[in-house]
Amino acid sequence: MFEAKHQLDNKRIAILATDGFEESELFEPKKALEDAGAKVNIISLKSGDIKAWKKTDWGKSIHVDAVVGDANQMQFDALMIPGGVMNPDKLRNDKKAVDFVKSFVSAGKPIASICHGPQVLIETGMTKGKTMTSWSSLKTDLTNSGANWVDREVVVDDNLITSRSPDDIPAFNKKMIEGFAATPKRK
């Protein structure tokens, strides 16, 4: 059994999401990060609460800690982007959200993304030359962006961790925590 306790003590992690995130792909990784000792902040396009999508209907809500235009990557050690069909589509169409993700790329900080979440990464231009996985319907989009798409439960390419679906969350969480733990604390 993977033991993550204390691996992320004193680390601050941003989760970028908006209405329509896949419920399990935010709540389960968030819990794993917090169980490993991280302080997790929800960053979104709007203040207040955002609502999950749970398979076929709206799910639980979660409170937003900061609006993306007010957040600064320098406050965080790593970034996580959950999937869901609606969530990444809204995020990739928001300049401030894309710029926020680009700031992590430029700083060389680790980014973890699951399912449809890598759609946001395509907008940053960072996928070129990366080996990645995602929900299978993104294969063509990622390939067209220059990524090498593979069908595996989780893929680590340098400081990028990607995964396919809610079924892969245990493997995703393990690799995400390992990757986030291996980076130096923000300055």
Protein backbone atom coordinates (compact mmCIF):
# COMPACT_ATOMS: atom_id res chain seq x y z
CA MET A 1 0.00 0.00 0.00
CA PHE A 2 1.27 3.46 -0.93
CA GLU A 3 2.00 5.60 2.15
CA ALA A 4 1.93 9.32 1.38
CA LYS A 5 1.68 10.79 4.89
CA HIS A 6 3.93 13.83 5.35
CA GLN A 7 5.35 13.67 1.80
CA LEU A 8 3.83 17.06 1.00
CA ASP A 9 4.19 18.82 4.36
CA ASN A 10 4.60 22.58 3.80
CA LYS A 11 3.68 22.31 0.10
CA ARG A 12 0.92 24.47 -1.37
CA ILE A 13 -1.00 23.03 -4.29
CA ALA A 14 -3.39 24.88 -6.60
CA ILE A 15 -6.32 23.00 -8.12
CA LEU A 16 -7.66 24.89 -11.14
CA ALA A 17 -11.33 24.09 -11.79
CA THR A 18 -14.70 25.59 -12.59
CA ASP A 19 -18.32 24.46 -12.83
CA GLY A 20 -18.56 21.06 -14.49
CA PHE A 21 -15.41 19.42 -13.10
CA GLU A 22 -15.72 15.65 -12.70
CA GLU A 23 -16.54 15.18 -9.00
CA SER A 24 -14.20 12.25 -8.29
CA GLU A 25 -11.34 13.85 -10.23
CA LEU A 26 -11.22 16.85 -7.89
CA PHE A 27 -12.36 15.53 -4.52
CA GLU A 28 -10.30 12.31 -4.47
CA PRO A 29 -6.96 13.90 -5.53
CA LYS A 30 -7.62 16.85 -3.17
CA LYS A 31 -8.11 14.44 -0.26
CA ALA A 32 -4.96 12.50 -1.22
CA LEU A 33 -2.93 15.72 -1.39
CA GLU A 34 -4.23 16.89 1.98
CA ASP A 35 -3.64 13.45 3.52
CA ALA A 36 -0.03 13.76 2.32
CA GLY A 37 0.26 17.07 4.19
CA ALA A 38 -0.34 19.64 1.41
CA LYS A 39 -2.33 22.84 1.76
CA VAL A 40 -4.70 22.83 -1.23
CA ASN A 41 -6.37 25.90 -2.71
CA ILE A 42 -9.21 25.83 -5.24
CA ILE A 43 -8.62 28.42 -7.96
CA SER A 44 -11.49 29.19 -10.33
CA LEU A 45 -12.98 31.60 -12.84
CA LYS A 46 -15.43 32.97 -10.26
CA SER A 47 -15.69 33.40 -6.51
CA GLY A 48 -18.10 31.54 -4.27
CA ASP A 49 -18.76 27.87 -4.97
CA ILE A 50 -18.30 25.73 -8.07
CA LYS A 51 -20.36 22.64 -8.81
CA ALA A 52 -19.17 19.19 -9.86
CA TRP A 53 -20.58 16.97 -12.57
CA LYS A 54 -21.13 13.43 -11.31
CA LYS A 55 -21.53 11.01 -14.22
CA THR A 56 -24.97 12.14 -15.46
CA ASP A 57 -26.01 15.06 -13.26
CA TRP A 58 -24.73 17.87 -11.08
CA GLY A 59 -22.87 16.77 -7.97
CA LYS A 60 -21.28 18.34 -4.90
CA SER A 61 -20.08 21.92 -4.68
CA ILE A 62 -16.76 23.18 -3.35
CA HIS A 63 -15.75 26.63 -2.17
CA VAL A 64 -13.33 28.65 -4.29
CA ASP A 65 -10.30 30.02 -2.42
CA ALA A 66 -9.21 32.50 -5.11
CA VAL A 67 -10.26 33.77 -8.51
CA VAL A 68 -7.69 32.91 -11.16
CA GLY A 69 -7.00 36.56 -12.00
CA ASP A 70 -5.98 37.18 -8.37
CA ALA A 71 -3.91 34.00 -7.94
CA ASN A 72 -0.16 33.89 -8.48
CA GLN A 73 1.79 30.70 -9.22
CA MET A 74 4.54 31.97 -6.91
CA GLN A 75 2.20 31.10 -3.99
CA PHE A 76 2.16 27.43 -5.03
CA ASP A 77 4.53 24.50 -5.46
CA ALA A 78 2.43 22.61 -8.02
CA LEU A 79 -0.80 22.62 -10.03
CA MET A 80 -3.51 20.01 -10.51
CA ILE A 81 -6.22 20.20 -13.20
CA PRO A 82 -9.17 17.81 -12.95
CA GLY A 83 -11.22 16.75 -15.94
CA GLY A 84 -14.85 16.57 -16.75
CA VAL A 85 -16.04 17.58 -20.20
CA MET A 86 -17.28 21.08 -19.25
CA ASN A 87 -14.50 22.11 -16.86
CA PRO A 88 -11.47 22.11 -19.19
CA ASP A 89 -13.50 23.50 -22.08
CA LYS A 90 -14.41 26.55 -19.98
CA LEU A 91 -10.88 26.91 -18.59
CA ARG A 92 -9.13 26.75 -21.96
CA ASN A 93 -11.36 29.52 -23.26
CA ASP A 94 -10.40 31.86 -20.41
CA LYS A 95 -7.18 33.84 -21.03
CA LYS A 96 -6.47 34.33 -17.32
CA ALA A 97 -6.82 30.59 -16.66
CA VAL A 98 -4.51 29.71 -19.57
CA ASP A 99 -2.00 32.35 -18.44
CA PHE A 100 -2.12 30.93 -14.90
CA VAL A 101 -1.24 27.47 -16.24
CA LYS A 102 1.47 28.95 -18.50
CA SER A 103 3.04 30.57 -15.43
CA PHE A 104 3.54 27.11 -13.88
CA VAL A 105 5.02 25.85 -17.16
CA SER A 106 7.43 28.82 -17.34
CA ALA A 107 8.46 28.33 -13.71
CA GLY A 108 9.12 24.62 -14.30
CA LYS A 109 6.67 23.62 -11.58
CA PRO A 110 4.95 20.23 -11.71
CA ILE A 111 1.49 19.93 -13.23
CA ALA A 112 -0.86 16.96 -12.87
CA SER A 113 -3.95 16.58 -15.02
CA ILE A 114 -6.51 13.83 -15.48
CA CYS A 115 -9.10 12.79 -18.07
CA HIS A 116 -10.16 15.85 -20.15
CA GLY A 117 -7.93 18.20 -18.10
CA PRO A 118 -5.07 18.08 -20.62
CA GLN A 119 -7.23 20.15 -22.99
CA VAL A 120 -6.14 23.14 -20.93
CA LEU A 121 -2.49 22.15 -21.35
CA ILE A 122 -2.86 22.14 -25.14
CA GLU A 123 -3.71 25.86 -24.97
CA THR A 124 -0.39 26.61 -23.25
CA GLY A 125 1.72 25.09 -26.03
CA MET A 126 3.52 22.92 -23.48
CA THR A 127 2.36 19.57 -24.86
CA LYS A 128 4.71 19.53 -27.84
CA GLY A 129 7.22 16.71 -27.44
CA LYS A 130 5.61 15.41 -24.21
CA THR A 131 4.44 11.84 -23.71
CA MET A 132 0.96 12.05 -22.24
CA THR A 133 -2.28 10.21 -21.67
CA SER A 134 -5.87 11.41 -21.27
CA TRP A 135 -9.44 10.38 -21.87
CA SER A 136 -9.26 8.56 -25.22
CA SER A 137 -11.29 11.20 -27.11
CA LEU A 138 -8.43 13.68 -26.61
CA LYS A 139 -5.90 11.47 -28.41
CA THR A 140 -6.20 13.34 -31.72
CA ASP A 141 -6.14 16.77 -30.04
CA LEU A 142 -3.02 15.92 -28.06
CA THR A 143 -1.33 14.30 -31.08
CA ASN A 144 -2.12 17.37 -33.20
CA SER A 145 -0.57 19.56 -30.48
CA GLY A 146 2.70 17.62 -30.81
CA ALA A 147 2.29 15.27 -27.87
CA ASN A 148 3.03 11.55 -27.98
CA TRP A 149 -0.29 10.10 -26.72
CA VAL A 150 -0.19 6.69 -25.02
CA ASP A 151 -2.93 4.57 -23.47
CA ARG A 152 -1.66 4.03 -19.90
CA GLU A 153 -3.27 4.65 -16.51
CA VAL A 154 -0.72 7.32 -15.63
CA VAL A 155 2.22 8.88 -17.49
CA VAL A 156 5.04 10.94 -16.03
CA ASP A 157 7.10 13.04 -18.44
CA ASP A 158 9.51 15.26 -16.54
CA ASN A 159 7.28 17.49 -14.36
CA LEU A 160 4.03 16.58 -16.15
CA ILE A 161 1.76 13.85 -14.76
CA THR A 162 -1.30 12.80 -16.78
CA SER A 163 -3.93 10.12 -16.35
CA ARG A 164 -6.92 8.75 -18.30
CA SER A 165 -10.04 8.49 -16.17
CA PRO A 166 -11.62 8.18 -12.72
CA ASP A 167 -10.71 4.48 -12.76
CA ASP A 168 -7.04 5.51 -12.72
CA ILE A 169 -7.27 7.88 -9.73
CA PRO A 170 -5.32 5.62 -7.29
CA ALA A 171 -2.34 5.40 -9.68
CA PHE A 172 -2.69 9.09 -10.58
CA ASN A 173 -2.70 10.15 -6.93
CA LYS A 174 0.40 8.08 -6.16
CA LYS A 175 2.42 9.51 -9.07
CA MET A 176 1.12 13.03 -8.46
CA ILE A 177 2.19 12.96 -4.82
CA GLU A 178 5.59 11.48 -5.71
CA GLY A 179 6.11 14.13 -8.41
CA PHE A 180 4.97 17.01 -6.23
CA ALA A 181 7.12 15.79 -3.31
CA ALA A 182 10.24 15.66 -5.49
CA THR A 183 10.16 19.40 -6.27
CA PRO A 184 11.79 22.04 -4.13
CA LYS A 185 9.54 24.16 -1.93
CA ARG A 186 8.55 27.48 -3.52
CA LYS A 187 10.68 30.46 -2.65
